[in-house]
């Protein structure tokens, strides 16, 4: 496995984030910011990109899991 974490001369760990190396501690905050930005439109975009197919996959998965009302999935 390739180690994506680098260290600078001050022994601070860096990690890849897109095309940039950022302080490892900052990476998680940046990832959270990305998810926060897309969360509002995620379902809409998922529906658009998958042409609605993701609904069938969800129903199929619930059926295969034999989930009943009230079950946590």
N, C-alpha and C. Protein backbone atom coordinates (compact mmCIF):
# COMPACT_ATOMS: atom_id res chain seq x y z
N UNK A 1 0.85 -1.18 0.00
CA UNK A 1 0.00 0.00 0.00
C UNK A 1 0.89 1.24 0.00
N UNK A 2 0.53 2.22 -0.77
CA UNK A 2 1.30 3.45 -0.87
C UNK A 2 0.94 4.35 0.30
N UNK A 3 1.96 4.87 0.97
CA UNK A 3 1.72 5.80 2.08
C UNK A 3 1.54 7.20 1.51
N UNK A 4 0.35 7.75 1.66
CA UNK A 4 0.04 9.06 1.09
C UNK A 4 0.37 10.19 2.06
N UNK A 5 0.90 9.86 3.23
CA UNK A 5 1.21 10.89 4.22
C UNK A 5 2.68 11.26 4.11
N UNK A 6 2.95 12.55 4.04
CA UNK A 6 4.31 13.07 3.96
C UNK A 6 4.59 13.90 5.20
N UNK A 7 5.87 14.16 5.45
CA UNK A 7 6.24 15.03 6.57
C UNK A 7 7.09 16.17 6.04
N UNK A 8 6.93 17.35 6.63
CA UNK A 8 7.77 18.48 6.26
C UNK A 8 8.94 18.57 7.24
N UNK A 9 9.74 19.60 7.11
CA UNK A 9 10.92 19.73 7.96
C UNK A 9 10.57 19.96 9.42
N UNK A 10 9.36 20.39 9.73
CA UNK A 10 8.93 20.60 11.11
C UNK A 10 8.23 19.37 11.67
N UNK A 11 8.34 18.26 10.96
CA UNK A 11 7.76 16.98 11.37
C UNK A 11 6.23 16.99 11.38
N UNK A 12 5.63 17.95 10.68
CA UNK A 12 4.18 18.00 10.55
C UNK A 12 3.78 17.06 9.42
N UNK A 13 2.79 16.21 9.66
CA UNK A 13 2.36 15.25 8.63
C UNK A 13 1.47 15.95 7.61
N UNK A 14 1.69 15.61 6.34
CA UNK A 14 0.87 16.11 5.25
C UNK A 14 0.21 14.93 4.55
N UNK A 15 -0.95 15.18 3.95
CA UNK A 15 -1.68 14.15 3.23
C UNK A 15 -2.21 14.74 1.93
N UNK A 16 -2.45 13.87 0.96
CA UNK A 16 -2.99 14.32 -0.33
C UNK A 16 -4.46 14.69 -0.19
N UNK A 17 -4.81 15.80 -0.80
CA UNK A 17 -6.21 16.22 -0.90
C UNK A 17 -6.37 16.79 -2.29
N UNK A 18 -6.95 16.00 -3.18
CA UNK A 18 -7.02 16.41 -4.59
C UNK A 18 -5.62 16.49 -5.15
N UNK A 19 -5.28 17.62 -5.73
CA UNK A 19 -3.94 17.82 -6.30
C UNK A 19 -3.00 18.52 -5.33
N UNK A 20 -3.39 18.63 -4.08
CA UNK A 20 -2.60 19.38 -3.11
C UNK A 20 -2.19 18.50 -1.93
N UNK A 21 -1.11 18.88 -1.29
CA UNK A 21 -0.72 18.29 -0.02
C UNK A 21 -1.11 19.28 1.06
N UNK A 22 -1.89 18.81 2.02
CA UNK A 22 -2.37 19.68 3.10
C UNK A 22 -2.00 19.04 4.43
N UNK A 23 -1.91 19.85 5.48
CA UNK A 23 -1.66 19.26 6.80
C UNK A 23 -2.70 18.19 7.10
N UNK A 24 -2.23 17.05 7.59
CA UNK A 24 -3.12 15.92 7.83
C UNK A 24 -4.33 16.30 8.69
N UNK A 25 -4.12 17.12 9.70
CA UNK A 25 -5.23 17.55 10.57
C UNK A 25 -6.27 18.36 9.81
N UNK A 26 -5.85 19.12 8.82
CA UNK A 26 -6.75 19.96 8.03
C UNK A 26 -7.54 19.14 7.01
N UNK A 27 -6.99 18.02 6.57
CA UNK A 27 -7.62 17.21 5.53
C UNK A 27 -9.04 16.81 5.92
N UNK A 28 -9.23 16.37 7.15
CA UNK A 28 -10.56 15.91 7.57
C UNK A 28 -11.57 17.05 7.58
N UNK A 29 -11.13 18.23 7.94
CA UNK A 29 -12.00 19.41 7.90
C UNK A 29 -12.37 19.75 6.45
N UNK A 30 -11.41 19.64 5.55
CA UNK A 30 -11.67 19.91 4.13
C UNK A 30 -12.65 18.90 3.55
N UNK A 31 -12.49 17.64 3.91
CA UNK A 31 -13.40 16.59 3.43
C UNK A 31 -14.82 16.86 3.95
N UNK A 32 -14.93 17.21 5.21
CA UNK A 32 -16.24 17.52 5.79
C UNK A 32 -16.88 18.70 5.07
N UNK A 33 -16.09 19.70 4.72
CA UNK A 33 -16.61 20.86 3.99
C UNK A 33 -17.16 20.47 2.62
N UNK A 34 -16.47 19.55 1.93
CA UNK A 34 -16.95 19.08 0.63
C UNK A 34 -18.31 18.41 0.79
N UNK A 35 -18.43 17.51 1.77
CA UNK A 35 -19.70 16.83 1.98
C UNK A 35 -20.81 17.80 2.39
N UNK A 36 -20.47 18.78 3.21
CA UNK A 36 -21.47 19.78 3.61
C UNK A 36 -21.99 20.55 2.40
N UNK A 37 -21.12 20.83 1.45
CA UNK A 37 -21.53 21.60 0.26
C UNK A 37 -22.44 20.80 -0.66
N UNK A 38 -22.20 19.49 -0.78
CA UNK A 38 -22.99 18.69 -1.72
C UNK A 38 -24.21 18.06 -1.08
N UNK A 39 -24.27 18.00 0.24
CA UNK A 39 -25.34 17.29 0.94
C UNK A 39 -26.74 17.75 0.54
N UNK A 40 -26.92 19.04 0.40
CA UNK A 40 -28.24 19.60 0.10
C UNK A 40 -28.78 19.09 -1.23
N UNK A 41 -27.90 18.84 -2.18
CA UNK A 41 -28.33 18.44 -3.53
C UNK A 41 -27.95 17.01 -3.87
N UNK A 42 -27.46 16.25 -2.90
CA UNK A 42 -26.96 14.90 -3.19
C UNK A 42 -28.03 14.00 -3.79
N UNK A 43 -29.19 13.90 -3.15
CA UNK A 43 -30.24 13.01 -3.65
C UNK A 43 -30.70 13.41 -5.05
N UNK A 44 -30.83 14.70 -5.27
CA UNK A 44 -31.25 15.19 -6.58
C UNK A 44 -30.22 14.82 -7.66
N UNK A 45 -28.95 15.03 -7.35
CA UNK A 45 -27.89 14.72 -8.31
C UNK A 45 -27.77 13.21 -8.52
N UNK A 46 -27.91 12.44 -7.46
CA UNK A 46 -27.84 10.99 -7.57
C UNK A 46 -28.96 10.48 -8.47
N UNK A 47 -30.14 11.02 -8.33
CA UNK A 47 -31.28 10.65 -9.16
C UNK A 47 -31.02 11.01 -10.62
N UNK A 48 -30.48 12.18 -10.84
CA UNK A 48 -30.20 12.66 -12.20
C UNK A 48 -29.10 11.82 -12.86
N UNK A 49 -28.01 11.63 -12.16
CA UNK A 49 -26.86 10.92 -12.72
C UNK A 49 -27.17 9.45 -12.98
N UNK A 50 -27.95 8.83 -12.09
CA UNK A 50 -28.24 7.40 -12.24
C UNK A 50 -29.50 7.15 -13.06
N UNK A 51 -30.12 8.22 -13.54
CA UNK A 51 -31.39 8.11 -14.28
C UNK A 51 -32.44 7.38 -13.44
N UNK A 52 -32.38 7.58 -12.12
CA UNK A 52 -33.34 6.97 -11.22
C UNK A 52 -33.05 5.53 -10.85
N UNK A 53 -32.00 4.95 -11.43
CA UNK A 53 -31.69 3.55 -11.19
C UNK A 53 -31.33 3.27 -9.73
N UNK A 54 -30.80 4.26 -9.03
CA UNK A 54 -30.41 4.02 -7.64
C UNK A 54 -31.61 3.65 -6.77
N UNK A 55 -32.82 4.07 -7.15
CA UNK A 55 -34.02 3.69 -6.40
C UNK A 55 -34.24 2.18 -6.50
N UNK A 56 -34.03 1.63 -7.68
CA UNK A 56 -34.19 0.18 -7.85
C UNK A 56 -33.16 -0.58 -7.03
N UNK A 57 -31.91 -0.07 -7.02
CA UNK A 57 -30.86 -0.73 -6.23
C UNK A 57 -31.20 -0.68 -4.75
N UNK A 58 -31.73 0.43 -4.28
CA UNK A 58 -32.11 0.54 -2.87
C UNK A 58 -33.21 -0.46 -2.53
N UNK A 59 -34.25 -0.53 -3.37
CA UNK A 59 -35.35 -1.47 -3.13
C UNK A 59 -34.85 -2.91 -3.19
N UNK A 60 -33.98 -3.21 -4.15
CA UNK A 60 -33.41 -4.54 -4.28
C UNK A 60 -32.63 -4.92 -3.03
N UNK A 61 -31.82 -4.00 -2.54
CA UNK A 61 -30.99 -4.25 -1.36
C UNK A 61 -31.85 -4.50 -0.13
N UNK A 62 -32.89 -3.70 0.05
CA UNK A 62 -33.79 -3.89 1.18
C UNK A 62 -34.48 -5.24 1.08
N UNK A 63 -34.90 -5.61 -0.11
CA UNK A 63 -35.56 -6.90 -0.32
C UNK A 63 -34.61 -8.05 -0.01
N UNK A 64 -33.38 -7.97 -0.51
CA UNK A 64 -32.40 -9.03 -0.27
C UNK A 64 -32.04 -9.13 1.21
N UNK A 65 -32.06 -8.02 1.92
CA UNK A 65 -31.75 -8.01 3.35
C UNK A 65 -32.94 -8.48 4.19
N UNK A 66 -34.07 -8.68 3.53
CA UNK A 66 -35.31 -9.07 4.20
C UNK A 66 -35.64 -8.11 5.35
N UNK A 67 -35.43 -6.84 5.09
CA UNK A 67 -35.69 -5.82 6.10
C UNK A 67 -37.18 -5.63 6.29
N UNK A 68 -37.53 -5.38 7.53
CA UNK A 68 -38.93 -5.16 7.88
C UNK A 68 -39.09 -3.73 8.40
N UNK A 69 -40.30 -3.18 8.37
CA UNK A 69 -40.50 -1.83 8.89
C UNK A 69 -39.93 -1.70 10.31
N UNK A 70 -39.19 -0.65 10.52
CA UNK A 70 -38.57 -0.41 11.82
C UNK A 70 -37.14 -0.90 11.92
N UNK A 71 -36.72 -1.77 10.98
CA UNK A 71 -35.33 -2.25 10.98
C UNK A 71 -34.40 -1.11 10.60
N UNK A 72 -33.23 -1.10 11.21
CA UNK A 72 -32.20 -0.13 10.83
C UNK A 72 -31.32 -0.75 9.77
N UNK A 73 -31.13 -0.04 8.69
CA UNK A 73 -30.31 -0.55 7.58
C UNK A 73 -29.11 0.35 7.41
